[in-house]
Amino acid sequence: MSSQSASAHPSATDDVVELCRDLLRIDTSNTGDTETSAGERVAAEYVAEKLAEVGVESHIRESAPGRTNLVARIPGTDPGRGALLVHGHLDVVPADASEWSVDPFSGEISDGYLWGRGAIDMKDFDAMVLAVVRNWQRTGVRPPRDLVLAFTADEEAGGEYGAHFLVDQHADLLDGCTEAIGEVGGFSYSVNSDLRLYLIETAEKGLEWLRLHARGRPGHGSMVHDDNAVTALAEAVARVGRHRFPIVLTPTVQAFLEQVSEALGIELDPTDPELAIAKLGPIANLIGATVRNTANPTRLAAGYKDNVIPSRASATIDCRSLPGQAEIFLEQLREVVGPDIEIEHIQRQPALETSFDGDLVAAMGAALRAEDPGARPVPYMLSGGTDAKAFAKLGIRCFGFAPLRLPADLNFSALFHGIDERVPVDGLQFGVRVLDRFLRQS
C-alpha cells in the first residue's frame, strides 16, 4: 500500500475515468477464435498492476496463450460470511473503425461521453470495481465480507476460456462465494424527472447456439435438380427467421411488466404484453425479447464452386430460451425446421432466474436511492447471457448490478455490440458512488 496520504491520490470518481480510458485503449477483441482474437493478457496485466499499486495480490490464470483471467480476494471484516463475487469480462466484440465516429480503441472523451468498444460492455464496470477497491485500500476501508474480484476472458464467445475455465479448473479461487454481481443491470430508465426505474438483472435467457445441416444429392449447377441441400436449408432458415414462438411470462418478466406499467400508467394485458412493451421506448427491444423464446439465423455456409450443387449446407442459429423452457423450445424448433434438417449444438448454457429479495437486493436499493432519490429498483430478465451462467454452476446466486444513471434519451441497449459505443462520464462516476455504497453494505 502506498505510504502517501489519500489526498495525494485521485478520488474514485476521477480514477474511474482514467482507468476506463486505459482499458478502452487496450484492444481485447474476441472474434470467437483464439487464433484471430487479440487476447486479454495485456488488459489482465494492467488490472494486476493497478491492484498491486495498492497492495492487492492477483492470481493470473491463462486458459490458452493470451486468454488470461485474473482473480483477487479482498478480506472482509466477517470471515464467517459467504463471500461476494464481483465479476467483469475483459474481452470485447470486434469493431470496424470505418463505421465509427471515433477510433473505437481511442478512449476519446467528447460531448460528455467516454467513447470506445467496451465502454458499456463492460470495461466501464471493470473500471468502477478497480476505482472503488483502489480507494478503499488507500483509505483503510474493509468490506463487511470477503470480496472476490474476477476479471475474465472470452465472455463474448461463451466463456469457455474465461469464467467456465475458472469454475471447472480453478474453483478454489472462488471458494466461499455465495452471491455475485456483474453485468447487465443497475442502469436507469427514466419515467419522468422525478422517477427512474433501475433495472436489476435477476434472470437471463438460456444460450443455445445451433447449427442446422441440410443434405442433398450433389450435381452440376446447369441441371434440373430437386434434391438441393441449399434450397432445403434456405427454406428451413426462412421459416425459423419468420417464426414467432408463443408468449410465456416468467415470474421476473411478469413482475417487471407490472411495475413498469404501474409507473407509466399504462394498461398491461398479460395475454398480449407486447402492446405495453411497445410503449417502453429505448428498452422495448430488450424487454420484448424476454416474453418468448427466440431463434435468429446468423450465418450460412454451403458449396465450394459456383457451378457445383453441394451435398451439404449449414446455417448457424442464435437461440435464447426462457427459464424452464429449453426442452419445450427445442421441440418447437424441430417442428419449424422440419424432420429432414439435422440440428447440432455448438453452445448450450441454461437460463437463470432468482427472486428479487434478500439483504443484497435491499443493499442495491439503498445505495441507488442514496445517490438518486428518484430511484426505484425493479427486477428484469436479460435477453442475452453473461458469465453468471458459469458461476451459477457453483451454486452462486447471481445478479446483474453495474449501476449507471443514463440520459433519458440514450438508447442504451442499442450500444451493446453497436457502433459508437459510449458511456456518459457522469453516469460512470455515479456508478462508482453507488457501487462504493453498495459494497460497504453488502
Protein backbone atom coordinates (compact mmCIF):
# COMPACT_ATOMS: atom_id res chain seq x y z
CA MET A 1 0.00 0.00 0.00
CA SER A 2 1.27 3.45 -0.83
CA SER A 3 2.65 5.45 2.08
CA GLN A 4 1.38 8.67 0.57
CA SER A 5 -1.70 10.24 2.09
CA ALA A 6 -5.07 9.60 0.50
CA SER A 7 -5.29 13.26 -0.54
CA ALA A 8 -2.28 12.75 -2.85
CA HIS A 9 -4.31 10.34 -4.95
CA PRO A 10 -7.27 10.94 -7.26
CA SER A 11 -10.73 10.32 -5.89
CA ALA A 12 -12.54 7.18 -7.03
CA THR A 13 -14.76 9.29 -9.30
CA ASP A 14 -11.70 10.78 -11.02
CA ASP A 15 -9.79 7.49 -11.03
CA VAL A 16 -12.61 5.60 -12.75
CA VAL A 17 -12.46 7.81 -15.84
CA GLU A 18 -8.75 7.28 -16.36
CA LEU A 19 -8.99 3.57 -15.59
CA CYS A 20 -11.80 3.15 -18.10
CA ARG A 21 -9.91 5.15 -20.74
CA ASP A 22 -6.84 2.99 -20.26
CA LEU A 23 -8.85 -0.21 -20.58
CA LEU A 24 -10.65 1.02 -23.71
CA ARG A 25 -7.29 1.69 -25.34
CA ILE A 26 -6.30 -1.96 -24.93
CA ASP A 27 -7.68 -3.95 -27.86
CA THR A 28 -9.19 -7.15 -26.46
CA SER A 29 -11.33 -8.01 -29.49
CA ASN A 30 -12.78 -11.51 -29.32
CA THR A 31 -13.59 -12.98 -32.73
CA GLY A 32 -14.66 -16.30 -31.28
CA ASP A 33 -11.41 -17.87 -32.49
CA THR A 34 -8.32 -17.70 -30.30
CA GLU A 35 -6.09 -17.62 -33.39
CA THR A 36 -7.62 -14.33 -34.57
CA SER A 37 -8.61 -12.77 -31.23
CA ALA A 38 -6.46 -10.06 -29.66
CA GLY A 39 -6.47 -11.85 -26.31
CA GLU A 40 -6.94 -10.44 -22.84
CA ARG A 41 -3.38 -10.77 -21.50
CA VAL A 42 -2.43 -7.08 -21.72
CA ALA A 43 -5.67 -5.98 -20.04
CA ALA A 44 -5.29 -8.57 -17.26
CA GLU A 45 -1.73 -7.42 -16.62
CA TYR A 46 -2.96 -3.83 -16.47
CA VAL A 47 -5.57 -4.79 -13.85
CA ALA A 48 -2.94 -6.71 -11.87
CA GLU A 49 -0.65 -3.67 -11.92
CA LYS A 50 -3.39 -1.32 -10.73
CA LEU A 51 -4.27 -3.69 -7.89
CA ALA A 52 -0.62 -4.21 -6.96
CA GLU A 53 -0.17 -0.44 -6.65
CA VAL A 54 -2.49 -0.55 -3.62
CA GLY A 55 -1.25 -3.84 -2.18
CA VAL A 56 -3.74 -6.33 -3.63
CA GLU A 57 -2.31 -9.63 -4.85
CA SER A 58 -3.72 -11.08 -8.06
CA HIS A 59 -3.88 -14.64 -9.33
CA ILE A 60 -3.39 -14.92 -13.08
CA ARG A 61 -4.81 -17.98 -14.79
CA GLU A 62 -4.38 -18.45 -18.54
CA SER A 63 -6.62 -20.94 -20.34
CA ALA A 64 -4.75 -20.65 -23.67
CA PRO A 65 -1.97 -18.38 -24.90
CA GLY A 66 -3.18 -14.82 -24.39
CA ARG A 67 -6.57 -15.86 -22.96
CA THR A 68 -5.99 -14.54 -19.47
CA ASN A 69 -8.15 -14.39 -16.35
CA LEU A 70 -7.42 -12.62 -13.07
CA VAL A 71 -8.85 -13.30 -9.60
CA ALA A 72 -8.15 -11.34 -6.42
CA ARG A 73 -9.62 -11.54 -2.92
CA ILE A 74 -10.22 -8.57 -0.58
CA PRO A 75 -10.61 -9.87 3.01
CA GLY A 76 -13.74 -8.71 4.84
CA THR A 77 -14.36 -7.95 8.48
CA ASP A 78 -16.55 -11.05 8.96
CA PRO A 79 -14.80 -14.19 7.64
CA GLY A 80 -17.78 -16.27 8.72
CA ARG A 81 -20.00 -14.82 5.99
CA GLY A 82 -20.13 -16.09 2.44
CA ALA A 83 -18.01 -14.11 0.02
CA LEU A 84 -19.42 -11.81 -2.66
CA LEU A 85 -18.12 -12.38 -6.19
CA VAL A 86 -17.75 -9.22 -8.29
CA HIS A 87 -17.05 -10.18 -11.90
CA GLY A 88 -16.45 -8.42 -15.19
CA HIS A 89 -15.08 -9.58 -18.52
CA LEU A 90 -12.10 -8.02 -20.27
CA ASP A 91 -12.87 -9.04 -23.84
CA VAL A 92 -14.96 -7.05 -26.29
CA VAL A 93 -16.61 -7.79 -29.61
CA PRO A 94 -14.69 -6.55 -32.68
CA ALA A 95 -15.28 -3.06 -34.06
CA ASP A 96 -14.97 -1.79 -37.64
CA ALA A 97 -13.30 1.62 -37.31
CA SER A 98 -14.73 2.75 -40.66
CA GLU A 99 -18.24 2.62 -39.18
CA TRP A 100 -17.43 4.70 -36.07
CA SER A 101 -17.37 8.45 -35.47
CA VAL A 102 -14.16 7.99 -33.44
CA ASP A 103 -11.40 5.40 -33.25
CA PRO A 104 -13.09 2.57 -31.28
CA PHE A 105 -9.91 1.99 -29.27
CA SER A 106 -9.05 5.65 -28.60
CA GLY A 107 -10.90 6.12 -25.30
CA GLU A 108 -11.91 9.58 -26.53
CA ILE A 109 -13.89 11.90 -24.26
CA SER A 110 -16.35 14.07 -26.20
CA ASP A 111 -19.80 15.58 -25.59
CA GLY A 112 -19.82 14.29 -22.02
CA TYR A 113 -19.25 10.68 -23.07
CA LEU A 114 -16.30 8.30 -22.97
CA TRP A 115 -16.24 6.53 -26.33
CA GLY A 116 -14.85 3.14 -27.25
CA ARG A 117 -15.52 -0.53 -27.77
CA GLY A 118 -16.31 -1.91 -24.33
CA ALA A 119 -17.48 1.40 -22.86
CA ILE A 120 -20.67 -0.23 -21.62
CA ASP A 121 -19.85 -3.87 -22.34
CA MET A 122 -18.16 -3.93 -19.94
CA LYS A 123 -14.93 -2.10 -19.25
CA ASP A 124 -16.94 0.62 -17.51
CA PHE A 125 -17.80 -1.78 -14.70
CA ASP A 126 -14.27 -3.20 -14.63
CA ALA A 127 -13.04 0.35 -14.07
CA MET A 128 -15.66 1.02 -11.38
CA VAL A 129 -14.58 -2.03 -9.42
CA LEU A 130 -10.92 -1.08 -9.69
CA ALA A 131 -11.61 2.53 -8.65
CA VAL A 132 -13.58 1.51 -5.55
CA VAL A 133 -11.06 -1.12 -4.43
CA ARG A 134 -8.08 1.18 -5.00
CA ASN A 135 -9.74 3.93 -2.97
CA TRP A 136 -10.57 1.52 -0.15
CA GLN A 137 -7.05 0.19 0.01
CA ARG A 138 -5.65 3.70 0.24
CA THR A 139 -8.08 4.82 2.93
CA GLY A 140 -8.20 1.66 5.03
CA VAL A 141 -11.79 0.62 4.26
CA ARG A 142 -12.61 -3.08 4.62
CA PRO A 143 -15.74 -4.69 3.18
CA PRO A 144 -18.16 -6.43 5.55
CA ARG A 145 -17.34 -9.79 3.95
CA ASP A 146 -14.74 -11.13 1.56
CA LEU A 147 -14.93 -9.72 -1.94
CA VAL A 148 -13.65 -11.93 -4.74
CA LEU A 149 -12.84 -9.96 -7.89
CA ALA A 150 -12.84 -11.87 -11.19
CA PHE A 151 -11.77 -10.26 -14.46
CA THR A 152 -12.43 -12.84 -17.15
CA ALA A 153 -11.61 -13.68 -20.73
CA ASP A 154 -13.89 -14.87 -23.52
CA GLU A 155 -17.32 -13.84 -22.24
CA GLU A 156 -18.28 -12.61 -25.71
CA ALA A 157 -17.82 -16.12 -27.14
CA GLY A 158 -19.48 -18.13 -24.37
CA GLY A 159 -16.78 -18.08 -21.69
CA GLU A 160 -15.01 -21.37 -22.44
CA TYR A 161 -11.60 -19.70 -21.96
CA GLY A 162 -12.87 -17.47 -19.18
CA ALA A 163 -15.49 -17.99 -16.48
CA HIS A 164 -16.14 -21.64 -17.34
CA PHE A 165 -12.40 -22.30 -17.27
CA LEU A 166 -12.16 -20.75 -13.79
CA VAL A 167 -15.16 -22.69 -12.49
CA ASP A 168 -14.04 -26.01 -13.98
CA GLN A 169 -10.31 -25.81 -13.21
CA HIS A 170 -9.73 -23.14 -10.56
CA ALA A 171 -12.82 -23.17 -8.37
CA ASP A 172 -10.57 -22.86 -5.31
CA LEU A 173 -10.09 -19.18 -6.18
CA LEU A 174 -13.86 -18.73 -5.81
CA ASP A 175 -14.10 -20.64 -2.56
CA GLY A 176 -16.85 -19.43 -0.24
CA CYS A 177 -18.68 -17.25 -2.78
CA THR A 178 -22.43 -17.40 -2.24
CA GLU A 179 -23.64 -14.38 -4.23
CA ALA A 180 -22.38 -12.45 -7.23
CA ILE A 181 -22.86 -9.23 -9.17
CA GLY A 182 -21.85 -8.50 -12.74
CA GLU A 183 -23.36 -7.16 -15.97
CA VAL A 184 -26.07 -6.10 -17.24
CA GLY A 185 -28.16 -4.37 -14.58
CA GLY A 186 -28.49 -1.35 -12.36
CA PHE A 187 -28.98 1.03 -15.28
CA SER A 188 -31.70 3.65 -15.26
CA TYR A 189 -34.87 4.00 -17.31
CA SER A 190 -36.43 7.45 -16.96
CA VAL A 191 -40.16 7.60 -16.33
CA ASN A 192 -40.17 11.33 -15.61
CA SER A 193 -37.94 13.92 -13.96
CA ASP A 194 -38.82 12.56 -10.50
CA LEU A 195 -38.77 8.81 -11.14
CA ARG A 196 -36.20 6.49 -12.65
CA LEU A 197 -36.52 2.73 -12.68
CA TYR A 198 -33.23 0.91 -12.20
CA LEU A 199 -33.34 -2.48 -13.83
CA ILE A 200 -31.67 -5.18 -11.72
CA GLU A 201 -30.98 -8.40 -13.56
CA THR A 202 -32.42 -11.35 -11.67
CA ALA A 203 -32.79 -13.62 -14.70
CA GLU A 204 -31.24 -14.25 -18.08
CA LYS A 205 -32.25 -16.39 -21.00
CA GLY A 206 -30.52 -19.62 -21.87
CA LEU A 207 -27.97 -19.69 -24.65
CA GLU A 208 -28.28 -22.24 -27.41
CA TRP A 209 -26.15 -21.72 -30.49
CA LEU A 210 -27.26 -24.29 -33.03
CA ARG A 211 -26.05 -25.35 -36.44
CA LEU A 212 -28.61 -26.62 -38.94
CA HIS A 213 -27.45 -29.05 -41.62
CA ALA A 214 -29.28 -29.99 -44.81
CA ARG A 215 -28.12 -32.81 -47.07
CA GLY A 216 -28.89 -33.44 -50.69
CA ARG A 217 -27.63 -35.00 -53.90
CA PRO A 218 -24.63 -33.18 -55.38
CA GLY A 219 -24.65 -32.32 -59.05
CA HIS A 220 -23.96 -29.91 -61.87
CA GLY A 221 -25.41 -26.43 -61.48
CA SER A 222 -26.77 -26.47 -65.02
CA MET A 223 -29.12 -29.42 -64.42
CA VAL A 224 -32.69 -29.58 -63.10
CA HIS A 225 -32.16 -30.66 -59.52
CA ASP A 226 -34.92 -31.41 -56.99
CA ASP A 227 -32.73 -32.65 -54.13
CA ASN A 228 -30.76 -29.46 -53.43
CA ALA A 229 -29.27 -29.03 -49.94
CA VAL A 230 -29.02 -25.25 -50.33
CA THR A 231 -32.70 -24.97 -51.21
CA ALA A 232 -33.75 -27.17 -48.29
CA LEU A 233 -31.60 -25.21 -45.87
CA ALA A 234 -32.75 -21.82 -47.18
CA GLU A 235 -36.39 -22.82 -46.75
CA ALA A 236 -35.77 -24.02 -43.18
CA VAL A 237 -33.79 -20.91 -42.26
CA ALA A 238 -36.53 -18.68 -43.66
CA ARG A 239 -39.13 -20.49 -41.58
CA VAL A 240 -37.03 -20.05 -38.43
CA GLY A 241 -36.33 -16.39 -39.11
CA ARG A 242 -40.01 -15.56 -39.57
CA HIS A 243 -41.39 -17.73 -36.77
CA ARG A 244 -42.65 -16.21 -33.52
CA PHE A 245 -42.69 -18.58 -30.56
CA PRO A 246 -45.54 -18.40 -28.03
CA ILE A 247 -45.55 -15.79 -25.29
CA VAL A 248 -44.51 -17.12 -21.86
CA LEU A 249 -44.24 -14.78 -18.86
CA THR A 250 -41.77 -15.92 -16.20
CA PRO A 251 -42.04 -14.53 -12.64
CA THR A 252 -39.29 -11.97 -13.29
CA VAL A 253 -40.81 -10.66 -16.52
CA GLN A 254 -44.30 -10.62 -15.01
CA ALA A 255 -43.04 -8.57 -12.05
CA PHE A 256 -41.17 -6.15 -14.30
CA LEU A 257 -44.11 -5.57 -16.62
CA GLU A 258 -46.49 -5.00 -13.71
CA GLN A 259 -44.18 -2.45 -12.09
CA VAL A 260 -43.25 -0.58 -15.25
CA SER A 261 -46.88 -0.45 -16.37
CA GLU A 262 -47.91 0.96 -13.00
CA ALA A 263 -45.11 3.55 -13.12
CA LEU A 264 -46.00 4.65 -16.66
CA GLY A 265 -49.75 4.50 -16.09
CA ILE A 266 -50.33 2.10 -19.00
CA GLU A 267 -52.54 -0.95 -19.18
CA LEU A 268 -50.94 -4.39 -19.17
CA ASP A 269 -52.69 -7.27 -20.89
CA PRO A 270 -50.86 -10.44 -19.72
CA THR A 271 -52.11 -12.30 -22.80
CA ASP A 272 -50.64 -9.66 -25.12
CA PRO A 273 -47.86 -7.85 -23.23
CA GLU A 274 -46.27 -6.56 -26.42
CA LEU A 275 -48.84 -3.76 -26.57
CA ALA A 276 -47.41 -2.36 -23.32
CA ILE A 277 -43.82 -3.18 -24.26
CA ALA A 278 -44.15 -1.14 -27.45
CA LYS A 279 -44.57 1.96 -25.24
CA LEU A 280 -41.26 1.47 -23.40
CA GLY A 281 -39.17 3.44 -25.88
CA PRO A 282 -35.43 2.64 -25.87
CA ILE A 283 -35.77 -0.56 -23.80
CA ALA A 284 -38.64 -2.04 -25.83
CA ASN A 285 -36.35 -4.31 -27.86
CA LEU A 286 -34.54 -5.54 -24.77
CA ILE A 287 -37.74 -6.35 -22.89
CA GLY A 288 -39.60 -7.62 -25.94
CA ALA A 289 -37.10 -10.45 -26.31
CA THR A 290 -37.87 -11.74 -22.80
CA VAL A 291 -41.52 -12.68 -23.30
CA ARG A 292 -40.80 -15.58 -25.68
CA ASN A 293 -38.10 -17.93 -26.83
CA THR A 294 -36.20 -16.60 -29.83
CA ALA A 295 -34.22 -18.03 -32.75
CA ASN A 296 -32.30 -15.83 -35.19
CA PRO A 297 -30.30 -17.08 -38.20
CA THR A 298 -26.82 -15.53 -38.16
CA ARG A 299 -24.58 -17.43 -40.60
CA LEU A 300 -24.81 -19.50 -43.79
CA ALA A 301 -22.27 -21.84 -45.38
CA ALA A 302 -22.53 -24.05 -48.46
CA GLY A 303 -20.65 -25.12 -51.53
CA TYR A 304 -17.16 -24.75 -52.92
CA LYS A 305 -17.71 -23.80 -56.58
CA ASP A 306 -20.23 -21.65 -58.44
CA ASN A 307 -21.42 -24.40 -60.80
CA VAL A 308 -21.49 -27.29 -58.32
CA ILE A 309 -24.59 -28.13 -56.30
CA PRO A 310 -23.20 -29.17 -52.88
CA SER A 311 -24.25 -32.22 -50.92
CA ARG A 312 -24.40 -30.27 -47.66
CA ALA A 313 -25.41 -26.79 -46.49
CA SER A 314 -25.26 -25.36 -42.97
CA ALA A 315 -26.62 -22.40 -41.03
CA THR A 316 -25.99 -21.05 -37.55
CA ILE A 317 -28.97 -20.09 -35.40
CA ASP A 318 -28.64 -17.97 -32.26
CA CYS A 319 -31.33 -19.25 -29.91
CA ARG A 320 -32.24 -17.90 -26.48
CA SER A 321 -34.64 -19.86 -24.28
CA LEU A 322 -36.59 -18.73 -21.24
CA PRO A 323 -36.05 -20.30 -17.81
CA GLY A 324 -37.71 -23.72 -17.75
CA GLN A 325 -38.38 -23.65 -21.48
CA ALA A 326 -35.26 -25.22 -23.03
CA GLU A 327 -36.68 -28.63 -23.90
CA ILE A 328 -40.06 -27.29 -24.98
CA PHE A 329 -38.28 -24.74 -27.16
CA LEU A 330 -36.18 -27.40 -28.90
CA GLU A 331 -39.32 -29.43 -29.63
CA GLN A 332 -40.97 -26.36 -31.11
CA LEU A 333 -37.89 -25.54 -33.17
CA ARG A 334 -37.76 -29.08 -34.54
CA GLU A 335 -41.31 -28.66 -35.81
CA VAL A 336 -40.37 -25.39 -37.52
CA VAL A 337 -37.23 -26.64 -39.31
CA GLY A 338 -38.77 -29.94 -40.35
CA PRO A 339 -37.71 -33.59 -39.96
CA ASP A 340 -35.02 -33.60 -42.67
CA ILE A 341 -32.82 -30.92 -41.10
CA GLU A 342 -30.12 -32.02 -38.66
CA ILE A 343 -29.69 -29.89 -35.51
CA GLU A 344 -26.25 -29.68 -33.88
CA HIS A 345 -25.47 -27.88 -30.62
CA ILE A 346 -22.47 -25.52 -30.72
CA GLN A 347 -23.08 -23.96 -27.30
CA ARG A 348 -25.66 -24.82 -24.68
CA GLN A 349 -25.90 -22.94 -21.40
CA PRO A 350 -29.01 -22.87 -19.20
CA ALA A 351 -31.22 -19.93 -18.36
CA LEU A 352 -31.04 -18.47 -14.86
CA GLU A 353 -33.65 -16.93 -12.59
CA THR A 354 -33.60 -15.89 -8.94
CA SER A 355 -36.03 -13.98 -6.75
CA PHE A 356 -35.89 -10.24 -6.17
CA ASP A 357 -35.43 -10.27 -2.41
CA GLY A 358 -32.90 -10.58 0.38
CA ASP A 359 -30.27 -8.41 2.01
CA LEU A 360 -28.22 -8.00 -1.16
CA VAL A 361 -31.20 -6.66 -3.10
CA ALA A 362 -32.02 -4.31 -0.20
CA ALA A 363 -28.44 -3.01 -0.28
CA MET A 364 -28.72 -2.34 -4.02
CA GLY A 365 -31.88 -0.30 -3.49
CA ALA A 366 -30.45 1.66 -0.57
CA ALA A 367 -27.27 2.54 -2.50
CA LEU A 368 -29.24 3.69 -5.55
CA ARG A 369 -31.66 5.82 -3.54
CA ALA A 370 -28.82 7.44 -1.61
CA GLU A 371 -27.38 8.77 -4.88
CA ASP A 372 -30.69 9.24 -6.70
CA PRO A 373 -33.78 9.97 -4.55
CA GLY A 374 -35.92 9.24 -7.62
CA ALA A 375 -34.60 5.69 -7.95
CA ARG A 376 -36.90 2.68 -7.89
CA PRO A 377 -35.19 -0.72 -8.37
CA VAL A 378 -37.13 -3.31 -10.38
CA PRO A 379 -36.23 -6.88 -11.44
CA TYR A 380 -35.83 -7.74 -15.09
CA MET A 381 -34.61 -10.52 -17.37
CA LEU A 382 -31.63 -10.05 -19.70
CA SER A 383 -32.33 -11.32 -23.21
CA GLY A 384 -28.69 -12.34 -23.64
CA GLY A 385 -26.29 -14.24 -21.42
CA THR A 386 -23.37 -13.44 -19.14
CA ASP A 387 -20.61 -15.13 -17.16
CA ALA A 388 -23.22 -15.70 -14.46
CA LYS A 389 -24.08 -18.94 -16.27
CA ALA A 390 -20.66 -20.31 -15.34
CA PHE A 391 -20.59 -19.06 -11.77
CA ALA A 392 -24.10 -20.38 -11.10
CA LYS A 393 -22.70 -23.91 -11.56
CA LEU A 394 -21.05 -23.43 -8.15
CA GLY A 395 -24.40 -22.64 -6.54
CA ILE A 396 -23.72 -18.89 -6.53
CA ARG A 397 -26.80 -16.66 -6.64
CA CYS A 398 -26.17 -14.20 -9.46
CA PHE A 399 -27.42 -10.67 -10.16
CA GLY A 400 -26.68 -8.08 -12.81
CA PHE A 401 -25.76 -4.87 -11.00
CA ALA A 402 -23.37 -2.49 -12.77
CA PRO A 403 -25.02 0.81 -11.80
CA LEU A 404 -25.35 3.64 -14.32
CA ARG A 405 -27.58 6.69 -14.37
CA LEU A 406 -28.31 7.34 -18.04
CA PRO A 407 -29.68 10.29 -20.01
CA ALA A 408 -33.39 9.81 -20.67
CA ASP A 409 -32.93 9.91 -24.44
CA LEU A 410 -30.00 7.48 -24.67
CA ASN A 411 -30.80 4.19 -26.43
CA PHE A 412 -28.68 2.16 -24.04
CA SER A 413 -29.49 -1.32 -25.33
CA ALA A 414 -28.51 -0.33 -28.90
CA LEU A 415 -24.97 0.44 -27.74
CA PHE A 416 -24.25 -3.20 -26.82
CA HIS A 417 -22.14 -4.53 -29.71
CA GLY A 418 -23.20 -1.41 -31.63
CA ILE A 419 -21.47 1.41 -33.45
CA ASP A 420 -20.23 4.41 -31.41
CA GLU A 421 -20.46 2.58 -28.08
CA ARG A 422 -20.07 5.11 -25.28
CA VAL A 423 -20.78 5.74 -21.62
CA PRO A 424 -21.75 9.09 -20.06
CA VAL A 425 -18.87 10.31 -17.87
CA ASP A 426 -21.23 11.49 -15.14
CA GLY A 427 -23.06 8.15 -15.31
CA LEU A 428 -19.77 6.34 -14.85
CA GLN A 429 -18.97 8.46 -11.81
CA PHE A 430 -22.49 7.92 -10.46
CA GLY A 431 -21.87 4.19 -10.79
CA VAL A 432 -18.69 4.39 -8.70
CA ARG A 433 -20.52 6.19 -5.89
CA VAL A 434 -23.37 3.66 -5.92
CA LEU A 435 -21.01 0.69 -6.08
CA ASP A 436 -18.98 2.06 -3.18
CA ARG A 437 -22.10 2.42 -1.03
CA PHE A 438 -23.43 -0.96 -2.05
CA LEU A 439 -20.24 -2.89 -1.37
CA ARG A 440 -19.94 -1.24 2.06
CA GLN A 441 -23.44 -2.58 2.90
CA SER A 442 -23.27 -5.94 1.14
